[in-house]
PDB file of N, CA and C in Angstrom:
ATOM      1  N   ALA A   1      90.229  92.690 186.668  1.00  0.00           N
ATOM      2  CA  ALA A   1      91.120  92.105 185.685  1.00  0.00           C
ATOM      3  C   ALA A   1      90.342  91.588 184.495  1.00  0.00           C
ATOM      4  N   ALA A   2      89.181  90.969 184.803  1.00  0.00           N
ATOM      5  CA  ALA A   2      88.343  90.441 183.722  1.00  0.00           C
ATOM      6  C   ALA A   2      87.823  91.572 182.867  1.00  0.00           C
ATOM      7  N   SER A   3      87.516  92.659 183.520  1.00  0.00           N
ATOM      8  CA  SER A   3      87.009  93.829 182.805  1.00  0.00           C
ATOM      9  C   SER A   3      88.101  94.419 181.942  1.00  0.00           C
ATOM     10  N   ALA A   4      89.326  94.468 182.448  1.00  0.00           N
ATOM     11  CA  ALA A   4      90.453  94.985 181.684  1.00  0.00           C
ATOM     12  C   ALA A   4      90.727  94.074 180.512  1.00  0.00           C
ATOM     13  N   ALA A   5      90.626  92.748 180.704  1.00  0.00           N
ATOM     14  CA  ALA A   5      90.857  91.792 179.611  1.00  0.00           C
ATOM     15  C   ALA A   5      89.783  91.958 178.558  1.00  0.00           C
ATOM     16  N   ALA A   6      88.548  92.164 178.998  1.00  0.00           N
ATOM     17  CA  ALA A   6      87.450  92.357 178.046  1.00  0.00           C
ATOM     18  C   ALA A   6      87.666  93.645 177.265  1.00  0.00           C
ATOM     19  N   SER A   7      88.161  94.671 177.935  1.00  0.00           N
ATOM     20  CA  SER A   7      88.450  95.946 177.261  1.00  0.00           C
ATOM     21  C   SER A   7      89.534  95.772 176.224  1.00  0.00           C
ATOM     22  N   VAL A   8      90.565  95.031 176.619  1.00  0.00           N
ATOM     23  CA  VAL A   8      91.685  94.790 175.692  1.00  0.00           C
ATOM     24  C   VAL A   8      91.186  93.986 174.500  1.00  0.00           C
ATOM     25  N   GLU A   9      90.352  92.962 174.752  1.00  0.00           N
ATOM     26  CA  GLU A   9      89.819  92.145 173.659  1.00  0.00           C
ATOM     27  C   GLU A   9      88.920  92.981 172.761  1.00  0.00           C
ATOM     28  N   ALA A  10      88.122  93.842 173.340  1.00  0.00           N
ATOM     29  CA  ALA A  10      87.240  94.713 172.551  1.00  0.00           C
ATOM     30  C   ALA A  10      88.072  95.658 171.718  1.00  0.00           C
ATOM     31  N   ALA A  11      89.134  96.204 172.295  1.00  0.00           N
ATOM     32  CA  ALA A  11      90.015  97.105 171.558  1.00  0.00           C
ATOM     33  C   ALA A  11      90.708  96.357 170.431  1.00  0.00           C
ATOM     34  N   ALA A  12      91.123  95.100 170.738  1.00  0.00           N
ATOM     35  CA  ALA A  12      91.778  94.283 169.714  1.00  0.00           C
ATOM     36  C   ALA A  12      90.804  93.968 168.598  1.00  0.00           C
ATOM     37  N   ALA A  13      89.565  93.652 168.949  1.00  0.00           N
ATOM     38  CA  ALA A  13      88.547  93.351 167.938  1.00  0.00           C
ATOM     39  C   ALA A  13      88.260  94.594 167.100  1.00  0.00           C
ATOM     40  N   THR A  14      88.191  95.753 167.729  1.00  0.00           N
ATOM     41  CA  THR A  14      87.957  97.003 167.012  1.00  0.00           C
ATOM     42  C   THR A  14      89.114  97.290 166.063  1.00  0.00           C
ATOM     43  N   ALA A  15      90.325  97.071 166.545  1.00  0.00           N
ATOM     44  CA  ALA A  15      91.512  97.293 165.712  1.00  0.00           C
ATOM     45  C   ALA A  15      91.521  96.316 164.542  1.00  0.00           C
ATOM     46  N   ALA A  16      91.170  95.057 164.796  1.00  0.00           N
ATOM     47  CA  ALA A  16      91.124  94.062 163.722  1.00  0.00           C
ATOM     48  C   ALA A  16      90.060  94.438 162.703  1.00  0.00           C
ATOM     49  N   ASN A  17      88.932  94.914 163.198  1.00  0.00           N
ATOM     50  CA  ASN A  17      87.842  95.369 162.316  1.00  0.00           C
ATOM     51  C   ASN A  17      88.312  96.531 161.439  1.00  0.00           C
ATOM     52  N   ARG A  18      88.986  97.480 162.077  1.00  0.00           N
ATOM     53  CA  ARG A  18      89.493  98.659 161.357  1.00  0.00           C
ATOM     54  C   ARG A  18      90.497  98.226 160.280  1.00  0.00           C
ATOM     55  N   ARG A  19      91.419  97.298 160.652  1.00  0.00           N
ATOM     56  CA  ARG A  19      92.407  96.808 159.674  1.00  0.00           C
ATOM     57  C   ARG A  19      91.697  96.134 158.494  1.00  0.00           C
ATOM     58  N   GLU A  20      90.661  95.357 158.802  1.00  0.00           N
ATOM     59  CA  GLU A  20      89.893  94.671 157.756  1.00  0.00           C
ATOM     60  C   GLU A  20      89.231  95.683 156.825  1.00  0.00           C
ATOM     61  N   ARG A  21      88.628  96.744 157.388  1.00  0.00           N
ATOM     62  CA  ARG A  21      87.988  97.780 156.561  1.00  0.00           C
ATOM     63  C   ARG A  21      89.018  98.506 155.698  1.00  0.00           C
ATOM     64  N   ILE A  22      90.171  98.817 156.320  1.00  0.00           N
ATOM     65  CA  ILE A  22      91.243  99.505 155.578  1.00  0.00           C
ATOM     66  C   ILE A  22      91.723  98.618 154.434  1.00  0.00           C
ATOM     67  N   SER A  23      91.926  97.350 154.718  1.00  0.00           N
ATOM     68  CA  SER A  23      92.373  96.402 153.689  1.00  0.00           C
ATOM     69  C   SER A  23      91.321  96.300 152.583  1.00  0.00           C
ATOM     70  N   SER A  24      90.055  96.236 153.001  1.00  0.00           N
ATOM     71  CA  SER A  24      88.957  96.148 152.034  1.00  0.00           C
ATOM     72  C   SER A  24      88.897  97.411 151.174  1.00  0.00           C
ATOM     73  N   ASN A  25      89.059  98.578 151.822  1.00  0.00           N
ATOM     74  CA  ASN A  25      89.051  99.850 151.084  1.00  0.00           C
ATOM     75  C   ASN A  25      90.220  99.927 150.105  1.00  0.00           C
ATOM     76  N   LYS A  26      91.411  99.458 150.567  1.00  0.00           N
ATOM     77  CA  LYS A  26      92.578  99.457 149.683  1.00  0.00           C
ATOM     78  C   LYS A  26      92.322  98.571 148.474  1.00  0.00           C
ATOM     79  N   SER A  27      91.720  97.399 148.735  1.00  0.00           N
ATOM     80  CA  SER A  27      91.417  96.454 147.659  1.00  0.00           C
ATOM     81  C   SER A  27      90.409  97.067 146.679  1.00  0.00           C
ATOM     82  N   ALA A  28      89.375  97.703 147.231  1.00  0.00           N
ATOM     83  CA  ALA A  28      88.364  98.344 146.382  1.00  0.00           C
ATOM     84  C   ALA A  28      88.984  99.483 145.573  1.00  0.00           C
ATOM     85  N   THR A  29      89.880 100.257 146.218  1.00  0.00           N
ATOM     86  CA  THR A  29      90.553 101.357 145.536  1.00  0.00           C
ATOM     87  C   THR A  29      91.433 100.821 144.408  1.00  0.00           C
ATOM     88  N   ALA A  30      92.151  99.735 144.677  1.00  0.00           N
ATOM     89  CA  ALA A  30      93.004  99.122 143.655  1.00  0.00           C
ATOM     90  C   ALA A  30      92.153  98.602 142.502  1.00  0.00           C
ATOM     91  N   SER A  31      91.023  97.966 142.823  1.00  0.00           N
ATOM     92  CA  SER A  31      90.130  97.464 141.775  1.00  0.00           C
ATOM     93  C   SER A  31      89.579  98.617 140.941  1.00  0.00           C
ATOM     94  N   ALA A  32      89.204  99.698 141.601  1.00  0.00           N
ATOM     95  CA  ALA A  32      88.691 100.866 140.871  1.00  0.00           C
ATOM     96  C   ALA A  32      89.769 101.464 139.982  1.00  0.00           C
ATOM     97  N   ALA A  33      90.995 101.507 140.488  1.00  0.00           N
ATOM     98  CA  ALA A  33      92.110 102.041 139.695  1.00  0.00           C
ATOM     99  C   ALA A  33      92.361 101.157 138.477  1.00  0.00           C
ATOM    100  N   GLU A  34      92.304  99.833 138.672  1.00  0.00           N
ATOM    101  CA  GLU A  34      92.487  98.918 137.555  1.00  0.00           C
ATOM    102  C   GLU A  34      91.375  99.094 136.521  1.00  0.00           C
ATOM    103  N   ALA A  35      90.147  99.248 136.998  1.00  0.00           N
ATOM    104  CA  ALA A  35      89.016  99.451 136.088  1.00  0.00           C
ATOM    105  C   ALA A  35      89.171 100.758 135.322  1.00  0.00           C
ATOM    106  N   ALA A  36      89.598 101.814 136.006  1.00  0.00           N
ATOM    107  CA  ALA A  36      89.810 103.103 135.350  1.00  0.00           C
ATOM    108  C   ALA A  36      90.913 102.999 134.301  1.00  0.00           C
ATOM    109  N   ALA A  37      91.977 102.260 134.632  1.00  0.00           N
ATOM    110  CA  ALA A  37      93.067 102.062 133.669  1.00  0.00           C
ATOM    111  C   ALA A  37      92.572 101.281 132.458  1.00  0.00           C
ATOM    112  N   ALA A  38      91.740 100.279 132.687  1.00  0.00           N
ATOM    113  CA  ALA A  38      91.195  99.492 131.577  1.00  0.00           C
ATOM    114  C   ALA A  38      90.313 100.360 130.684  1.00  0.00           C
ATOM    115  N   VAL A  39      89.502 101.211 131.295  1.00  0.00           N
ATOM    116  CA  VAL A  39      88.653 102.123 130.519  1.00  0.00           C
ATOM    117  C   VAL A  39      89.519 103.094 129.712  1.00  0.00           C
ATOM    118  N   ALA A  40      90.558 103.618 130.349  1.00  0.00           N
ATOM    119  CA  ALA A  40      91.461 104.535 129.650  1.00  0.00           C
ATOM    120  C   ALA A  40      92.162 103.830 128.491  1.00  0.00           C
ATOM    121  N   ASP A  41      92.614 102.597 128.726  1.00  0.00           N
ATOM    122  CA  ASP A  41      93.247 101.818 127.656  1.00  0.00           C
ATOM    123  C   ASP A  41      92.277 101.581 126.513  1.00  0.00           C
ATOM    124  N   SER A  42      91.053 101.257 126.863  1.00  0.00           N
ATOM    125  CA  SER A  42      90.026 101.010 125.849  1.00  0.00           C
ATOM    126  C   SER A  42      89.744 102.281 125.045  1.00  0.00           C
ATOM    127  N   ALA A  43      89.643 103.407 125.747  1.00  0.00           N
ATOM    128  CA  ALA A  43      89.399 104.687 125.069  1.00  0.00           C
ATOM    129  C   ALA A  43      90.573 105.053 124.166  1.00  0.00           C
ATOM    130  N   THR A  44      91.783 104.805 124.643  1.00  0.00           N
ATOM    131  CA  THR A  44      92.978 105.084 123.843  1.00  0.00           C
ATOM    132  C   THR A  44      92.996 104.203 122.603  1.00  0.00           C
ATOM    133  N   ALA A  45      92.669 102.940 122.765  1.00  0.00           N
ATOM    134  CA  ALA A  45      92.636 102.015 121.630  1.00  0.00           C
ATOM    135  C   ALA A  45      91.565 102.435 120.629  1.00  0.00           C
ATOM    136  N   ALA A  46      90.405 102.852 121.127  1.00  0.00           N
ATOM    137  CA  ALA A  46      89.332 103.294 120.237  1.00  0.00           C
ATOM    138  C   ALA A  46      89.750 104.552 119.475  1.00  0.00           C
ATOM    139  N   LYS A  47      90.391 105.477 120.173  1.00  0.00           N
ATOM    140  CA  LYS A  47      90.860 106.711 119.535  1.00  0.00           C
ATOM    141  C   LYS A  47      91.919 106.396 118.485  1.00  0.00           C
ATOM    142  N   ARG A  48      92.835 105.484 118.825  1.00  0.00           N
ATOM    143  CA  ARG A  48      93.886 105.089 117.877  1.00  0.00           C
ATOM    144  C   ARG A  48      93.259 104.446 116.643  1.00  0.00           C
ATOM    145  N   SER A  49      92.288 103.574 116.873  1.00  0.00           N
ATOM    146  CA  SER A  49      91.607 102.907 115.766  1.00  0.00           C
ATOM    147  C   SER A  49      90.904 103.933 114.874  1.00  0.00           C
ATOM    148  N   GLU A  50      90.237 104.890 115.485  1.00  0.00           N
ATOM    149  CA  GLU A  50      89.551 105.958 114.730  1.00  0.00           C
ATOM    150  C   GLU A  50      90.555 106.785 113.943  1.00  0.00           C
ATOM    151  N   THR A  51      91.681 107.100 114.561  1.00  0.00           N
ATOM    152  CA  THR A  51      92.719 107.880 113.879  1.00  0.00           C
ATOM    153  C   THR A  51      93.281 107.112 112.696  1.00  0.00           C
ATOM    154  N   LEU A  52      93.535 105.831 112.873  1.00  0.00           N
ATOM    155  CA  LEU A  52      94.046 105.001 111.781  1.00  0.00           C
ATOM    156  C   LEU A  52      93.024 104.888 110.647  1.00  0.00           C
ATOM    157  N   ARG A  53      91.744 104.786 110.999  1.00  0.00           N
ATOM    158  CA  ARG A  53      90.692 104.728 109.978  1.00  0.00           C
ATOM    159  C   ARG A  53      90.653 106.023 109.175  1.00  0.00           C
ATOM    160  N   LYS A  54      90.736 107.155 109.887  1.00  0.00           N
ATOM    161  CA  LYS A  54      90.733 108.449 109.203  1.00  0.00           C
ATOM    162  C   LYS A  54      91.950 108.589 108.297  1.00  0.00           C
ATOM    163  N   LEU A  55      93.090 108.124 108.778  1.00  0.00           N
ATOM    164  CA  LEU A  55      94.307 108.174 107.972  1.00  0.00           C
ATOM    165  C   LEU A  55      94.147 107.334 106.706  1.00  0.00           C
ATOM    166  N   ALA A  56      93.583 106.145 106.843  1.00  0.00           N
ATOM    167  CA  ALA A  56      93.350 105.288 105.673  1.00  0.00           C
ATOM    168  C   ALA A  56      92.398 105.964 104.692  1.00  0.00           C
ATOM    169  N   ASP A  57      91.348 106.611 105.223  1.00  0.00           N
ATOM    170  CA  ASP A  57      90.409 107.342 104.363  1.00  0.00           C
ATOM    171  C   ASP A  57      91.124 108.464 103.610  1.00  0.00           C
ATOM    172  N   LEU A  58      91.971 109.197 104.313  1.00  0.00           N
ATOM    173  CA  LEU A  58      92.711 110.288 103.671  1.00  0.00           C
ATOM    174  C   LEU A  58      93.645 109.765 102.585  1.00  0.00           C
ATOM    175  N   LYS A  59      94.290 108.633 102.860  1.00  0.00           N
ATOM    176  CA  LYS A  59      95.180 108.042 101.851  1.00  0.00           C
ATOM    177  C   LYS A  59      94.386 107.640 100.615  1.00  0.00           C
ATOM    178  N   ARG A  60      93.209 107.017 100.847  1.00  0.00           N
ATOM    179  CA  ARG A  60      92.356 106.619  99.730  1.00  0.00           C
ATOM    180  C   ARG A  60      91.924 107.841  98.920  1.00  0.00           C
ATOM    181  N   GLU A  61      91.480 108.878  99.618  1.00  0.00           N
ATOM    182  CA  GLU A  61      91.063 110.107  98.936  1.00  0.00           C
ATOM    183  C   GLU A  61      92.230 110.721  98.178  1.00  0.00           C
ATOM    184  N   SER A  62      93.392 110.693  98.778  1.00  0.00           N
ATOM    185  CA  SER A  62      94.578 111.254  98.145  1.00  0.00           C
ATOM    186  C   SER A  62      94.887 110.503  96.852  1.00  0.00           C
ATOM    187  N   ARG A  63      94.818 109.161  96.921  1.00  0.00           N
ATOM    188  CA  ARG A  63      95.059 108.361  95.717  1.00  0.00           C
ATOM    189  C   ARG A  63      94.019 108.695  94.659  1.00  0.00           C
ATOM    190  N   PHE A  64      92.749 108.803  95.088  1.00  0.00           N
ATOM    191  CA  PHE A  64      91.671 109.107  94.154  1.00  0.00           C
ATOM    192  C   PHE A  64      91.895 110.479  93.533  1.00  0.00           C
ATOM    193  N   GLU A  65      92.266 111.454  94.359  1.00  0.00           N
ATOM    194  CA  GLU A  65      92.538 112.798  93.843  1.00  0.00           C
ATOM    195  C   GLU A  65      93.730 112.773  92.897  1.00  0.00           C
ATOM    196  N   GLY A  66      94.727 111.944  93.217  1.00  0.00           N
ATOM    197  CA  GLY A  66      95.886 111.807  92.326  1.00  0.00           C
ATOM    198  C   GLY A  66      95.474 111.240  90.981  1.00  0.00           C
ATOM    199  N   ILE A  67      94.586 110.244  91.011  1.00  0.00           N
ATOM    200  CA  ILE A  67      94.090 109.655  89.760  1.00  0.00           C
ATOM    201  C   ILE A  67      93.302 110.704  88.987  1.00  0.00           C
ATOM    202  N   LYS A  68      92.433 111.445  89.678  1.00  0.00           N
ATOM    203  CA  LYS A  68      91.659 112.488  89.007  1.00  0.00           C
ATOM    204  C   LYS A  68      92.583 113.544  88.407  1.00  0.00           C
ATOM    205  N   LEU A  69      93.633 113.915  89.144  1.00  0.00           N
ATOM    206  CA  LEU A  69      94.574 114.912  88.650  1.00  0.00           C
ATOM    207  C   LEU A  69      95.251 114.402  87.381  1.00  0.00           C
ATOM    208  N   LYS A  70      95.664 113.129  87.381  1.00  0.00           N
ATOM    209  CA  LYS A  70      96.289 112.556  86.186  1.00  0.00           C
ATOM    210  C   LYS A  70      95.319 112.573  85.013  1.00  0.00           C
ATOM    211  N   GLN A  71      94.055 112.235  85.282  1.00  0.00           N
ATOM    212  CA  GLN A  71      93.053 112.240  84.214  1.00  0.00           C
ATOM    213  C   GLN A  71      92.858 113.646  83.664  1.00  0.00           C
ATOM    214  N   VAL A  72      92.821 114.637  84.539  1.00  0.00           N
ATOM    215  CA  VAL A  72      92.668 116.026  84.100  1.00  0.00           C
ATOM    216  C   VAL A  72      93.881 116.448  83.287  1.00  0.00           C
ATOM    217  N   GLN A  73      95.077 116.055  83.749  1.00  0.00           N
ATOM    218  CA  GLN A  73      96.290 116.409  83.012  1.00  0.00           C
ATOM    219  C   GLN A  73      96.289 115.756  81.626  1.00  0.00           C
ATOM    220  N   GLN A  74      95.869 114.502  81.557  1.00  0.00           N
ATOM    221  CA  GLN A  74      95.812 113.814  80.270  1.00  0.00           C
ATOM    222  C   GLN A  74      94.789 114.472  79.351  1.00  0.00           C
ATOM    223  N   ALA A  75      93.621 114.803  79.899  1.00  0.00           N
ATOM    224  CA  ALA A  75      92.588 115.454  79.102  1.00  0.00           C
ATOM    225  C   ALA A  75      93.075 116.820  78.622  1.00  0.00           C
ATOM    226  N   THR A  76      93.761 117.554  79.500  1.00  0.00           N
ATOM    227  CA  THR A  76      94.307 118.863  79.136  1.00  0.00           C
ATOM    228  C   THR A  76      95.321 118.716  78.011  1.00  0.00           C
ATOM    229  N   SER A  77      96.162 117.712  78.113  1.00  0.00           N
ATOM    230  CA  SER A  77      97.168 117.461  77.084  1.00  0.00           C
ATOM    231  C   SER A  77      96.493 117.149  75.748  1.00  0.00           C
ATOM    232  N   LYS A  78      95.450 116.324  75.784  1.00  0.00           N
ATOM    233  CA  LYS A  78      94.718 115.987  74.562  1.00  0.00           C
ATOM    234  C   LYS A  78      94.071 117.226  73.949  1.00  0.00           C
ATOM    235  N   VAL A  79      93.489 118.070  74.800  1.00  0.00           N
ATOM    236  CA  VAL A  79      92.863 119.303  74.299  1.00  0.00           C
ATOM    237  C   VAL A  79      93.925 120.207  73.690  1.00  0.00           C
ATOM    238  N   GLU A  80      95.062 120.343  74.353  1.00  0.00           N
ATOM    239  CA  GLU A  80      96.140 121.180  73.822  1.00  0.00           C
ATOM    240  C   GLU A  80      96.616 120.649  72.472  1.00  0.00           C
ATOM    241  N   THR A  81      96.745 119.332  72.355  1.00  0.00           N
ATOM    242  CA  THR A  81      97.148 118.718  71.087  1.00  0.00           C
ATOM    243  C   THR A  81      96.095 118.996  70.014  1.00  0.00           C
ATOM    244  N   SER A  82      94.832 118.847  70.373  1.00  0.00           N
ATOM    245  CA  SER A  82      93.756 119.115  69.415  1.00  0.00           C
ATOM    246  C   SER A  82      93.758 120.566  68.973  1.00  0.00           C
ATOM    247  N   VAL A  83      94.000 121.475  69.892  1.00  0.00           N
ATOM    248  CA  VAL A  83      94.053 122.905  69.554  1.00  0.00           C
ATOM    249  C   VAL A  83      95.211 123.160  68.608  1.00  0.00           C
ATOM    250  N   GLU A  84      96.366 122.573  68.893  1.00  0.00           N
ATOM    251  CA  GLU A  84      97.531 122.749  68.014  1.00  0.00           C
ATOM    252  C   GLU A  84      97.238 122.206  66.618  1.00  0.00           C
ATOM    253  N   GLU A  85      96.614 121.024  66.563  1.00  0.00           N
ATOM    254  CA  GLU A  85      96.265 120.438  65.267  1.00  0.00           C
ATOM    255  C   GLU A  85      95.264 121.320  64.530  1.00  0.00           C
ATOM    256  N   ALA A  86      94.282 121.844  65.243  1.00  0.00           N
ATOM    257  CA  ALA A  86      93.280 122.718  64.613  1.00  0.00           C
ATOM    258  C   ALA A  86      93.937 123.996  64.102  1.00  0.00           C
ATOM    259  N   GLN A  87      94.872 124.566  64.872  1.00  0.00           N
ATOM    260  CA  GLN A  87      95.560 125.779  64.428  1.00  0.00           C
ATOM    261  C   GLN A  87      96.399 125.487  63.186  1.00  0.00           C
ATOM    262  N   HIS A  88      97.065 124.342  63.174  1.00  0.00           N
ATOM    263  CA  HIS A  88      97.868 123.952  62.011  1.00  0.00           C
ATOM    264  C   HIS A  88      96.968 123.779  60.787  1.00  0.00           C
ATOM    265  N   ARG A  89      95.836 123.096  60.979  1.00  0.00           N
ATOM    266  CA  ARG A  89      94.887 122.887  59.874  1.00  0.00           C
ATOM    267  C   ARG A  89      94.336 124.225  59.404  1.00  0.00           C
ATOM    268  N   GLN A  90      94.030 125.137  60.320  1.00  0.00           N
ATOM    269  CA  GLN A  90      93.528 126.459  59.951  1.00  0.00           C
ATOM    270  C   GLN A  90      94.570 127.197  59.113  1.00  0.00           C
ATOM    271  N   HIS A  91      95.828 127.111  59.500  1.00  0.00           N
ATOM    272  CA  HIS A  91      96.913 127.749  58.756  1.00  0.00           C
ATOM    273  C   HIS A  91      96.994 127.167  57.339  1.00  0.00           C
ATOM    274  N   GLU A  92      96.878 125.825  57.238  1.00  0.00           N
ATOM    275  CA  GLU A  92      96.901 125.182  55.923  1.00  0.00           C
ATOM    276  C   GLU A  92      95.733 125.660  55.060  1.00  0.00           C
ATOM    277  N   LEU A  93      94.558 125.753  55.656  1.00  0.00           N
ATOM    278  CA  LEU A  93      93.374 126.192  54.912  1.00  0.00           C
ATOM    279  C   LEU A  93      93.508 127.651  54.468  1.00  0.00           C
ATOM    280  N   GLN A  94      94.110 128.484  55.336  1.00  0.00           N
ATOM    281  CA  GLN A  94      94.330 129.881  54.951  1.00  0.00           C
ATOM    282  C   GLN A  94      95.295 129.967  53.777  1.00  0.00           C
ATOM    283  N   GLN A  95      96.329 129.131  53.786  1.00  0.00           N
ATOM    284  CA  GLN A  95      97.274 129.120  52.662  1.00  0.00           C
ATOM    285  C   GLN A  95      96.574 128.653  51.391  1.00  0.00           C
ATOM    286  N   GLN A  96      95.718 127.629  51.518  1.00  0.00           N
ATOM    287  CA  GLN A  96      94.981 127.166  50.342  1.00  0.00           C
ATOM    288  C   GLN A  96      94.063 128.262  49.813  1.00  0.00           C
ATOM    289  N   LEU A  97      93.433 129.011  50.716  1.00  0.00           N
ATOM    290  CA  LEU A  97      92.549 130.098  50.318  1.00  0.00           C
ATOM    291  C   LEU A  97      93.331 131.163  49.570  1.00  0.00           C
ATOM    292  N   VAL A  98      94.507 131.516  50.099  1.00  0.00           N
ATOM    293  CA  VAL A  98      95.346 132.523  49.440  1.00  0.00           C
ATOM    294  C   VAL A  98      95.728 132.025  48.043  1.00  0.00           C
ATOM    295  N   HIS A  99      96.116 130.772  47.926  1.00  0.00           N
ATOM    296  CA  HIS A  99      96.482 130.210  46.617  1.00  0.00           C
ATOM    297  C   HIS A  99      95.272 130.184  45.690  1.00  0.00           C
ATOM    298  N   SER A 100      94.125 129.812  46.245  1.00  0.00           N
ATOM    299  CA  SER A 100      92.918 129.766  45.420  1.00  0.00           C
ATOM    300  C   SER A 100      92.545 131.153  44.926  1.00  0.00           C
ATOM    301  N   GLU A 101      92.642 132.158  45.802  1.00  0.00           N
ATOM    302  CA  GLU A 101      92.334 133.533  45.402  1.00  0.00           C
ATOM    303  C   GLU A 101      93.310 134.013  44.321  1.00  0.00           C
ATOM    304  N   ALA A 102      94.582 133.673  44.515  1.00  0.00           N
ATOM    305  CA  ALA A 102      95.590 134.064  43.523  1.00  0.00           C
ATOM    306  C   ALA A 102      95.310 133.374  42.202  1.00  0.00           C
ATOM    307  N   LEU A 103      94.959 132.112  42.225  1.00  0.00           N
ATOM    308  CA  LEU A 103      94.638 131.371  41.006  1.00  0.00           C
ATOM    309  C   LEU A 103      93.400 131.953  40.342  1.00  0.00           C
ATOM    310  N   ALA A 104      92.405 132.329  41.153  1.00  0.00           N
ATOM    311  CA  ALA A 104      91.185 132.922  40.609  1.00  0.00           C
ATOM    312  C   ALA A 104      91.504 134.247  39.936  1.00  0.00           C
ATOM    313  N   GLU A 105      92.415 135.046  40.508  1.00  0.00           N
ATOM    314  CA  GLU A 105      92.806 136.301  39.897  1.00  0.00           C
ATOM    315  C   GLU A 105      93.512 136.068  38.574  1.00  0.00           C
ATOM    316  N   LEU A 106      94.404 135.082  38.558  1.00  0.00           N
ATOM    317  CA  LEU A 106      95.107 134.759  37.328  1.00  0.00           C
ATOM    318  C   LEU A 106      94.164 134.312  36.233  1.00  0.00           C
ATOM    319  N   LEU A 107      93.193 133.490  36.627  1.00  0.00           N
ATOM    320  CA  LEU A 107      92.211 133.015  35.653  1.00  0.00           C
ATOM    321  C   LEU A 107      91.350 134.165  35.174  1.00  0.00           C
ATOM    322  N   ALA A 108      91.003 135.071  36.084  1.00  0.00           N
ATOM    323  CA  ALA A 108      90.149 136.222  35.700  1.00  0.00           C
ATOM    324  C   ALA A 108      90.937 137.143  34.781  1.00  0.00           C
ATOM    325  N   ASP A 109      92.222 137.327  35.043  1.00  0.00           N
ATOM    326  CA  ASP A 109      93.054 138.172  34.204  1.00  0.00           C
ATOM    327  C   ASP A 109      93.260 137.545  32.839  1.00  0.00           C
ATOM    328  N   GLY A 110      93.232 136.246  32.811  1.00  0.00           N
ATOM    329  CA  GLY A 110      93.462 135.533  31.550  1.00  0.00           C
ATOM    330  C   GLY A 110      92.268 135.522  30.643  1.00  0.00           C
ATOM    331  N   THR A 111      91.102 135.861  31.138  1.00  0.00           N
ATOM    332  CA  THR A 111      89.896 135.829  30.284  1.00  0.00           C
ATOM    333  C   THR A 111      89.534 137.160  29.735  1.00  0.00           C
TER     334      THR A 111
END
């Protein structure tokens, strides 16, 4: 009977030991899962932060390109205006030349 009781106690101790290991393993597994989730959250946050930074950079570049485009358009407009003014002035000078040549002919005919 004593031997049977000792066997039962040994079996109970073994079972208690096994339950303790299982509980410990479950706890370790849960801790590892929590750590993995924290790492994943951190990686997601870092990726989001990087994406937002890139987006801000693109917006800045876009604004800068928009400003450059406006400057080019303004410069183009000024050049076009200058060309028109130069063409108008050239036309005026050609008319003056024609009048001067005609006047020179009249003066030459008169002498």
